[in-house]
Structures are given as structure tokens and as C-alpha cells.
Amino acid sequence: MPYADLHVHTTRSDGSLELAAVPAAARRGGVAVVAVTDHDRIQPFDGPVVDRDGVTIINGIELRVSTPDGQRVDLLGYGVDPTPELEELVAEIQRNRVERGQAIVDCVEDRLGIDLDVRVEDGFGRPHVARAIDAHSGTPYDYTAAFEELIGYGDPCYVPREVPSFDRGVGALEASCRLVSLAHPLRYRDPAAALELTADPALEAVEYHYPYTRSHDDGSRRLEEAIERNDLLVTGGTDAHEDELGVAGLSQREYKQLQIDEIPDR
């Protein structure tokens, strides 16, 4: 059972777990440390690391960026102490998320002749639309079908969103976070190219423990080679979007090596 789950989403982005319910979910999952890593959101915590009901909560963020070769990857920042640069970047992303989200909702409602009754606000993403479609009695689509036939890439109501460049994103995170990690490298279209990014000194870690499927097994050696070649720390987590934590994560020894909660505040 993992000691630390360092990849968890809440209702502040596309998760279904309320932020206040994280400690209880952590206890159910048997983990002592949780990193809340909502997409493109700065959390309302009063420090980079806080205690909530006996559970250590890492103030985290997940930021999608575009690499020079056009691939989009996700970066995880841990121990966030936001600089004005990060705050400005996140505000830009959220404005685009709202505009894009409203465009997707309008398209779905027009196409299906329904009212989804969703509130498009900061943190809004396609999972919110898919859940609303699934919950509506007037559509033949469940959550998965909504992504596969309506709002997924290339589908009638898909709208792309703007993401920052890798250089801008990693720079903002490096200045604001105690540790920056490349998220789930084996999930990308080109895992080898994604792992090459870990040669950047700003990326000190890579997400190694993750609930990958069997189709990703052949990339494990490449991931381990990148860790050794670039002297990377390892992070890991469930990538939870519901209330089950502790599916993947770090041992206590691995977590202590990160020293996230041992570095003095700036």
C-alpha cells in the first residue's frame, strides 16, 4: 500500500472529490500524504505543505504544455508557492478554459436539442460536459460514448484549447514549486520524445508509479533508463478523479527522498 499518493484531482478541476473530503479519502485509501494536483489551478492553501486532519497535503498543480515537436505533455508541480508569473499563466489558461468550455456546451446543446444545465467556470473541462451528457435522460450517450462520439478529438463538438509552451510552463513551475515532475510519460503519443524532456534541469523527477495498463509495459525499461541517465527522482500517484486514493503512489522511503516537506518556505 502506498504511503503517498501524489496525483489527485478534486472538484476544483475535473475530479468528483471535494477538496474538504481529501483527508477522509486518504484515510480510506491508507495513505498519509496526498498531493492535490488539479489541472491549471492554484489551491487555496496557506502554504506549500499543510496538515489537514492528520493528513499531509501537498499543494500541487498539473499543467499541460506544448513541446517544441508539437506534443502536449503534463507537468506536475509540488509544494506550490505561486509567483506572479504562475498566477498570470493560470489566469490566462482559465480564461481560455471557460471560453472553450462554453463553446463545447453550446455545440452539444444545439446538436442534441437539450439543456445540459452546467455552470462553466474556472476549472471547467470536457469531463464536466461528458458527465452532464451521461446524466441527461434525453441523450443516448453515456460518459464514454460522449468522449468517443461527441467531444473527443476530431468529433463534431471538439474544440481545442490553448496551452503554454514547454519553456514557459516549466519556467513558471520551477520558480513556484519545490519539485517539478513529468507526469505519466508512457501515456503520450511519443513516450521517447516525452522522456527526452527530462534532460532539462528544471525537471528533477518523473512519474514512475502510475496505474498504467498492460499496453504500456514495453515502455518501462525506457522509463527506467531515463531515470538513471538523468539522475531523476521518482514520483507517483493514482491520477484520481473520484474518491479512491492509494491505487498507486510512493513508499515512505521514496517520498522522503523528494524532501518536499523538509525545505524551508521561501
Protein backbone atom coordinates (compact mmCIF):
# COMPACT_ATOMS: atom_id res chain seq x y z
CA MET A 1 0.00 0.00 0.00
CA PRO A 2 1.48 3.40 -0.96
CA TYR A 3 2.48 5.88 1.72
CA ALA A 4 2.00 8.93 -0.53
CA ASP A 5 -0.42 9.47 -3.43
CA LEU A 6 0.96 12.43 -5.35
CA HIS A 7 -1.58 12.78 -8.16
CA VAL A 8 -5.14 13.61 -7.10
CA HIS A 9 -7.83 15.78 -8.68
CA THR A 10 -10.79 17.41 -6.96
CA THR A 11 -13.89 19.32 -7.99
CA ARG A 12 -11.64 22.35 -8.43
CA SER A 13 -10.81 20.83 -11.81
CA ASP A 14 -12.24 17.64 -13.31
CA GLY A 15 -12.44 15.41 -10.24
CA SER A 16 -15.54 14.46 -8.27
CA LEU A 17 -13.87 14.60 -4.83
CA GLU A 18 -14.46 17.77 -2.82
CA LEU A 19 -11.28 19.41 -1.56
CA ALA A 20 -12.51 19.22 2.03
CA ALA A 21 -13.08 15.46 1.65
CA VAL A 22 -9.46 14.68 0.67
CA PRO A 23 -8.28 13.77 4.22
CA ALA A 24 -11.11 11.27 4.69
CA ALA A 25 -10.45 9.74 1.27
CA ALA A 26 -6.75 9.49 2.14
CA ARG A 27 -7.52 7.60 5.34
CA ARG A 28 -9.81 5.20 3.47
CA GLY A 29 -7.03 4.61 0.96
CA GLY A 30 -4.43 4.12 3.68
CA VAL A 31 -2.17 6.97 2.56
CA ALA A 32 -0.52 9.51 4.84
CA VAL A 33 0.37 12.09 2.19
CA VAL A 34 -1.70 13.43 -0.71
CA ALA A 35 -0.73 15.91 -3.40
CA VAL A 36 -3.73 17.80 -4.76
CA THR A 37 -2.79 18.41 -8.39
CA ASP A 38 -5.80 19.96 -10.06
CA HIS A 39 -5.41 20.99 -13.68
CA ASP A 40 -4.23 24.58 -14.04
CA ARG A 41 -5.49 25.62 -10.58
CA ILE A 42 -3.76 27.27 -7.65
CA GLN A 43 -5.16 25.85 -4.43
CA PRO A 44 -6.48 27.97 -1.52
CA PHE A 45 -3.91 26.55 0.91
CA ASP A 46 -1.90 28.74 3.25
CA GLY A 47 1.42 27.13 2.38
CA PRO A 48 3.24 24.70 0.08
CA VAL A 49 2.55 21.84 2.52
CA VAL A 50 -0.29 21.79 5.04
CA ASP A 51 -1.81 19.42 7.57
CA ARG A 52 -5.49 18.62 7.30
CA ASP A 53 -6.96 16.33 9.94
CA GLY A 54 -3.68 14.48 10.38
CA VAL A 55 -3.04 14.03 6.65
CA THR A 56 -0.15 15.83 4.96
CA ILE A 57 -1.48 17.72 1.94
CA ILE A 58 0.97 18.84 -0.73
CA ASN A 59 -0.09 21.97 -2.58
CA GLY A 60 0.27 20.83 -6.18
CA ILE A 61 -0.72 21.60 -9.74
CA GLU A 62 -0.86 19.79 -13.09
CA LEU A 63 -0.03 21.95 -16.08
CA ARG A 64 -0.36 20.92 -19.72
CA VAL A 65 2.28 22.33 -22.06
CA SER A 66 3.19 22.08 -25.73
CA THR A 67 6.65 20.75 -26.58
CA PRO A 68 8.78 22.01 -29.49
CA ASP A 69 7.78 18.96 -31.56
CA GLY A 70 4.08 19.72 -31.06
CA GLN A 71 3.34 17.03 -28.50
CA ARG A 72 1.32 18.01 -25.44
CA VAL A 73 2.53 16.73 -22.09
CA ASP A 74 1.62 17.31 -18.46
CA LEU A 75 3.90 18.66 -15.75
CA LEU A 76 3.32 18.18 -12.03
CA GLY A 77 4.42 20.88 -9.63
CA TYR A 78 4.73 20.08 -5.92
CA GLY A 79 4.95 22.44 -2.96
CA VAL A 80 3.45 25.40 -4.78
CA ASP A 81 4.26 28.90 -3.53
CA PRO A 82 2.87 30.82 -6.51
CA THR A 83 4.83 33.62 -8.12
CA PRO A 84 3.06 36.39 -10.08
CA GLU A 85 4.26 34.63 -13.24
CA LEU A 86 2.44 31.42 -12.37
CA GLU A 87 -0.66 33.30 -11.24
CA GLU A 88 -0.79 35.18 -14.55
CA LEU A 89 -0.28 31.99 -16.55
CA VAL A 90 -3.01 30.12 -14.69
CA ALA A 91 -5.41 33.05 -15.12
CA GLU A 92 -4.81 33.01 -18.88
CA ILE A 93 -5.40 29.27 -19.05
CA GLN A 94 -8.61 29.51 -17.05
CA ARG A 95 -10.00 32.24 -19.29
CA ASN A 96 -9.39 30.01 -22.29
CA ARG A 97 -10.88 27.01 -20.47
CA VAL A 98 -14.10 28.93 -19.85
CA GLU A 99 -14.33 30.16 -23.45
CA ARG A 100 -13.62 26.71 -24.82
CA GLY A 101 -15.95 25.00 -22.36
CA GLN A 102 -18.85 27.27 -23.28
CA ALA A 103 -18.25 26.62 -26.97
CA ILE A 104 -18.38 22.85 -26.38
CA VAL A 105 -21.54 23.12 -24.27
CA ASP A 106 -23.24 25.30 -26.88
CA CYS A 107 -22.36 22.83 -29.63
CA VAL A 108 -23.64 19.80 -27.70
CA GLU A 109 -26.87 21.55 -26.71
CA ASP A 110 -27.52 22.70 -30.27
CA ARG A 111 -26.69 19.32 -31.76
CA LEU A 112 -28.78 17.29 -29.31
CA GLY A 113 -31.52 19.85 -28.67
CA ILE A 114 -31.08 19.71 -24.90
CA ASP A 115 -30.10 21.89 -21.95
CA LEU A 116 -27.11 20.42 -20.11
CA ASP A 117 -27.64 22.66 -17.08
CA VAL A 118 -23.92 23.04 -16.35
CA ARG A 119 -22.08 26.03 -14.96
CA VAL A 120 -18.99 26.90 -17.00
CA GLU A 121 -16.40 28.39 -14.64
CA ASP A 122 -12.73 28.12 -13.68
CA GLY A 123 -11.57 24.51 -13.72
CA PHE A 124 -14.14 23.50 -16.33
CA GLY A 125 -13.16 20.75 -18.75
CA ARG A 126 -14.59 18.15 -21.08
CA PRO A 127 -15.21 15.64 -18.26
CA HIS A 128 -17.82 18.05 -16.88
CA VAL A 129 -19.58 18.01 -20.25
CA ALA A 130 -19.39 14.22 -20.51
CA ARG A 131 -20.87 13.78 -17.02
CA ALA A 132 -23.72 16.16 -17.87
CA ILE A 133 -24.44 14.28 -21.10
CA ASP A 134 -24.38 10.96 -19.26
CA ALA A 135 -26.76 12.27 -16.58
CA HIS A 136 -29.26 13.72 -19.05
CA SER A 137 -32.23 11.46 -19.76
CA GLY A 138 -32.66 12.87 -23.25
CA THR A 139 -29.41 11.57 -24.75
CA PRO A 140 -28.32 8.08 -25.88
CA TYR A 141 -24.72 8.72 -24.77
CA ASP A 142 -23.00 7.60 -21.61
CA TYR A 143 -19.77 9.17 -20.34
CA THR A 144 -17.50 7.10 -22.58
CA ALA A 145 -19.64 7.49 -25.69
CA ALA A 146 -19.76 11.25 -25.18
CA PHE A 147 -15.98 11.35 -25.50
CA GLU A 148 -15.85 8.85 -28.34
CA GLU A 149 -18.60 10.35 -30.49
CA LEU A 150 -19.19 13.97 -29.49
CA ILE A 151 -16.42 15.82 -27.69
CA GLY A 152 -13.27 13.78 -28.30
CA TYR A 153 -10.52 14.86 -30.67
CA GLY A 154 -11.93 15.17 -34.20
CA ASP A 155 -15.55 14.78 -33.06
CA PRO A 156 -18.31 17.25 -34.01
CA CYS A 157 -18.18 19.24 -30.76
CA TYR A 158 -14.47 19.06 -30.07
CA VAL A 159 -12.86 22.45 -29.51
CA PRO A 160 -9.08 22.62 -28.97
CA ARG A 161 -7.72 24.65 -26.11
CA GLU A 162 -4.66 26.82 -25.89
CA VAL A 163 -1.75 25.61 -23.78
CA PRO A 164 1.53 27.34 -22.91
CA SER A 165 4.86 26.34 -24.37
CA PHE A 166 7.04 23.86 -22.50
CA ASP A 167 9.60 26.57 -21.76
CA ARG A 168 7.05 28.97 -20.32
CA GLY A 169 5.27 26.30 -18.30
CA VAL A 170 8.34 24.65 -16.83
CA GLY A 171 9.84 28.05 -16.06
CA ALA A 172 6.77 29.18 -14.14
CA LEU A 173 6.64 25.93 -12.20
CA GLU A 174 10.35 25.87 -11.41
CA ALA A 175 10.09 29.35 -9.87
CA SER A 176 6.99 28.46 -7.83
CA CYS A 177 7.41 24.83 -6.80
CA ARG A 178 9.75 22.77 -4.68
CA LEU A 179 9.77 19.97 -7.26
CA VAL A 180 8.66 19.61 -10.88
CA SER A 181 7.93 16.19 -12.39
CA LEU A 182 6.94 14.90 -15.82
CA ALA A 183 3.54 13.22 -15.48
CA HIS A 184 2.75 9.70 -16.78
CA PRO A 185 5.34 9.65 -19.59
CA LEU A 186 4.20 6.33 -21.06
CA ARG A 187 0.74 7.66 -21.87
CA TYR A 188 1.88 10.06 -24.58
CA ARG A 189 1.80 9.58 -28.32
CA ASP A 190 5.60 9.57 -28.35
CA PRO A 191 6.89 8.44 -24.94
CA ALA A 192 10.52 8.52 -26.08
CA ALA A 193 10.28 12.19 -27.05
CA ALA A 194 8.49 12.97 -23.80
CA LEU A 195 11.23 11.30 -21.77
CA GLU A 196 13.87 13.33 -23.60
CA LEU A 197 12.39 16.39 -21.87
CA THR A 198 13.68 15.08 -18.54
CA ALA A 199 17.17 16.15 -19.58
CA ASP A 200 16.02 19.70 -18.78
CA PRO A 201 17.47 20.62 -15.36
CA ALA A 202 14.11 22.08 -14.30
CA LEU A 203 12.58 18.60 -14.41
CA GLU A 204 14.01 16.85 -11.39
CA ALA A 205 11.58 13.95 -11.35
CA VAL A 206 9.33 11.73 -13.42
CA GLU A 207 6.10 9.96 -12.53
CA TYR A 208 7.13 6.31 -12.28
CA HIS A 209 4.39 4.76 -10.16
CA TYR A 210 1.14 5.08 -12.09
CA PRO A 211 -1.84 2.81 -12.89
CA TYR A 212 -0.64 2.06 -16.41
CA THR A 213 -2.35 -0.62 -18.46
CA ARG A 214 -0.54 -3.65 -19.87
CA SER A 215 -0.16 -1.86 -23.20
CA HIS A 216 2.43 0.38 -21.54
CA ASP A 217 4.58 -2.44 -20.18
CA ASP A 218 7.08 -2.30 -23.03
CA GLY A 219 7.99 1.29 -22.10
CA SER A 220 9.09 0.50 -18.55
CA ARG A 221 12.72 -0.12 -19.47
CA ARG A 222 12.91 3.15 -21.40
CA LEU A 223 11.48 4.98 -18.38
CA GLU A 224 13.98 3.35 -16.02
CA GLU A 225 16.84 4.23 -18.36
CA ALA A 226 15.77 7.89 -18.38
CA ILE A 227 15.65 7.90 -14.57
CA GLU A 228 19.19 6.55 -14.38
CA ARG A 229 20.58 8.68 -17.23
CA ASN A 230 19.21 11.97 -15.90
CA ASP A 231 19.50 11.12 -12.19
CA LEU A 232 15.79 11.67 -11.66
CA LEU A 233 13.71 11.35 -8.54
CA VAL A 234 10.53 9.32 -8.89
CA THR A 235 7.01 10.47 -8.15
CA GLY A 236 3.78 8.54 -8.40
CA GLY A 237 0.08 8.59 -7.83
CA THR A 238 -3.36 7.35 -8.71
CA ASP A 239 -4.31 10.25 -11.01
CA ALA A 240 -7.53 10.05 -9.04
CA HIS A 241 -10.62 11.73 -10.44
CA GLU A 242 -13.00 10.09 -7.98
CA ASP A 243 -12.67 9.27 -4.27
CA GLU A 244 -10.44 6.18 -4.41
CA LEU A 245 -6.89 7.08 -3.42
CA GLY A 246 -3.85 4.87 -2.91
CA VAL A 247 -4.17 2.87 -6.14
CA ALA A 248 -0.62 3.97 -6.97
CA GLY A 249 1.97 6.06 -5.19
CA LEU A 250 5.25 6.15 -3.32
CA SER A 251 6.66 4.21 -0.42
CA GLN A 252 7.66 6.22 2.63
CA ARG A 253 11.33 5.92 1.63
CA GLU A 254 10.65 7.20 -1.89
CA TYR A 255 8.58 10.07 -0.57
CA LYS A 256 11.23 11.15 1.93
CA GLN A 257 13.78 11.31 -0.90
CA LEU A 258 11.74 14.10 -2.51
CA GLN A 259 12.16 16.34 0.57
CA ILE A 260 9.06 18.31 -0.40
CA ASP A 261 8.00 18.95 3.17
CA GLU A 262 11.53 19.45 4.51
CA ILE A 263 12.59 22.51 2.51
CA PRO A 264 12.05 25.83 4.35
CA ASP A 265 9.42 28.15 2.91
CA ARG A 266 10.70 30.92 0.66
